[in-house]
Amino acid sequence: MSEENLVEIPGTVLKCMAVDDESLALDLVEDNISKVPFLQLVKRCRNAMEAVEYLENNSVDLLLDRKSNVWTP
């Protein structure tokens, strides 16, 4: 999807979490998220346990990982 196809809803920010065991992959996800004005990376996790621990007390709108590509609650 090209940038001109992105539709931003004013005031809407999706909280995102990235999960990957490779720091380079997390860096790439963080870089891409930073280019989309309505996405905010709130947590980087190196494994599923770290992600589960975070989600016990926090919520996200979008979870990104290489295994399932995209999961939204």
C-alpha atoms as a PDB file:
ATOM      1  CA  MET A   1       0.000   0.000   0.000  1.00  0.00           C
ATOM      2  CA  SER A   2       1.422   3.342  -0.944  1.00  0.00           C
ATOM      3  CA  GLU A   3       1.387   6.327   1.390  1.00  0.00           C
ATOM      4  CA  GLU A   4      -1.211   8.171  -0.693  1.00  0.00           C
ATOM      5  CA  ASN A   5      -3.684   5.333   0.027  1.00  0.00           C
ATOM      6  CA  LEU A   6      -3.439   5.785   3.815  1.00  0.00           C
ATOM      7  CA  VAL A   7      -6.499   7.329   5.418  1.00  0.00           C
ATOM      8  CA  GLU A   8      -5.989   8.944   8.801  1.00  0.00           C
ATOM      9  CA  ILE A   9      -8.898   9.435  11.177  1.00  0.00           C
ATOM     10  CA  PRO A  10      -8.188  12.611  13.158  1.00  0.00           C
ATOM     11  CA  GLY A  11      -7.357  11.909  16.781  1.00  0.00           C
ATOM     12  CA  THR A  12      -7.033   8.158  16.286  1.00  0.00           C
ATOM     13  CA  VAL A  13      -3.781   6.527  17.345  1.00  0.00           C
ATOM     14  CA  LEU A  14      -3.346   2.748  17.330  1.00  0.00           C
ATOM     15  CA  LYS A  15      -1.091   1.427  20.078  1.00  0.00           C
ATOM     16  CA  CYS A  16       1.213  -1.216  18.621  1.00  0.00           C
ATOM     17  CA  MET A  17       3.385  -3.970  20.060  1.00  0.00           C
ATOM     18  CA  ALA A  18       6.155  -5.706  18.118  1.00  0.00           C
ATOM     19  CA  VAL A  19       7.353  -9.188  19.074  1.00  0.00           C
ATOM     20  CA  ASP A  20      10.463 -10.759  17.584  1.00  0.00           C
ATOM     21  CA  ASP A  21      13.561 -12.498  18.860  1.00  0.00           C
ATOM     22  CA  GLU A  22      15.792 -10.588  16.439  1.00  0.00           C
ATOM     23  CA  SER A  23      16.609  -6.996  17.321  1.00  0.00           C
ATOM     24  CA  LEU A  24      17.132  -6.080  13.651  1.00  0.00           C
ATOM     25  CA  ALA A  25      13.556  -7.146  12.866  1.00  0.00           C
ATOM     26  CA  LEU A  26      12.281  -5.073  15.795  1.00  0.00           C
ATOM     27  CA  ASP A  27      14.288  -2.092  14.554  1.00  0.00           C
ATOM     28  CA  LEU A  28      12.714  -2.421  11.085  1.00  0.00           C
ATOM     29  CA  VAL A  29       9.207  -2.633  12.528  1.00  0.00           C
ATOM     30  CA  GLU A  30       9.872   0.380  14.738  1.00  0.00           C
ATOM     31  CA  ASP A  31      11.203   2.341  11.767  1.00  0.00           C
ATOM     32  CA  ASN A  32       8.160   1.514   9.634  1.00  0.00           C
ATOM     33  CA  ILE A  33       5.692   2.307  12.415  1.00  0.00           C
ATOM     34  CA  SER A  34       7.359   5.685  12.946  1.00  0.00           C
ATOM     35  CA  LYS A  35       6.489   6.598   9.344  1.00  0.00           C
ATOM     36  CA  VAL A  36       2.739   6.135   9.896  1.00  0.00           C
ATOM     37  CA  PRO A  37       1.272   9.060  11.836  1.00  0.00           C
ATOM     38  CA  PHE A  38      -1.598   7.112  13.422  1.00  0.00           C
ATOM     39  CA  LEU A  39       0.575   4.272  14.764  1.00  0.00           C
ATOM     40  CA  GLN A  40       2.470   4.410  18.051  1.00  0.00           C
ATOM     41  CA  LEU A  41       4.871   1.657  19.118  1.00  0.00           C
ATOM     42  CA  VAL A  42       4.281   1.215  22.842  1.00  0.00           C
ATOM     43  CA  LYS A  43       6.275  -1.997  23.426  1.00  0.00           C
ATOM     44  CA  ARG A  44       9.039  -4.058  21.823  1.00  0.00           C
ATOM     45  CA  CYS A  45       9.242  -7.650  23.078  1.00  0.00           C
ATOM     46  CA  ARG A  46      11.959 -10.233  22.450  1.00  0.00           C
ATOM     47  CA  ASN A  47       9.698 -13.245  23.109  1.00  0.00           C
ATOM     48  CA  ALA A  48       6.125 -14.342  23.739  1.00  0.00           C
ATOM     49  CA  MET A  49       6.530 -14.458  27.536  1.00  0.00           C
ATOM     50  CA  GLU A  50       7.591 -10.827  27.622  1.00  0.00           C
ATOM     51  CA  ALA A  51       4.592  -9.932  25.454  1.00  0.00           C
ATOM     52  CA  VAL A  52       2.157 -11.846  27.667  1.00  0.00           C
ATOM     53  CA  GLU A  53       3.547 -10.192  30.805  1.00  0.00           C
ATOM     54  CA  TYR A  54       3.055  -6.764  29.243  1.00  0.00           C
ATOM     55  CA  LEU A  55      -0.475  -7.587  28.072  1.00  0.00           C
ATOM     56  CA  GLU A  56      -1.519  -8.705  31.552  1.00  0.00           C
ATOM     57  CA  ASN A  57      -1.575  -5.036  32.622  1.00  0.00           C
ATOM     58  CA  ASN A  58      -1.686  -3.123  29.334  1.00  0.00           C
ATOM     59  CA  SER A  59      -3.605  -3.190  26.090  1.00  0.00           C
ATOM     60  CA  VAL A  60      -2.608  -2.715  22.471  1.00  0.00           C
ATOM     61  CA  ASP A  61      -4.620  -2.252  19.306  1.00  0.00           C
ATOM     62  CA  LEU A  62      -2.194  -3.999  16.980  1.00  0.00           C
ATOM     63  CA  LEU A  63       0.288  -6.802  17.651  1.00  0.00           C
ATOM     64  CA  LEU A  64       2.961  -7.471  15.034  1.00  0.00           C
ATOM     65  CA  ASP A  65       5.162 -10.545  14.827  1.00  0.00           C
ATOM     66  CA  ARG A  66       6.816 -12.510  12.050  1.00  0.00           C
ATOM     67  CA  LYS A  67       4.976 -15.759  12.760  1.00  0.00           C
ATOM     68  CA  SER A  68       1.379 -14.584  12.388  1.00  0.00           C
ATOM     69  CA  ASN A  69       2.105 -11.316  10.513  1.00  0.00           C
ATOM     70  CA  VAL A  70      -0.665  -9.227  12.118  1.00  0.00           C
ATOM     71  CA  TRP A  71      -3.106  -9.827  14.960  1.00  0.00           C
ATOM     72  CA  THR A  72      -5.656  -7.324  16.169  1.00  0.00           C
ATOM     73  CA  PRO A  73      -7.742  -7.808  19.307  1.00  0.00           C
END
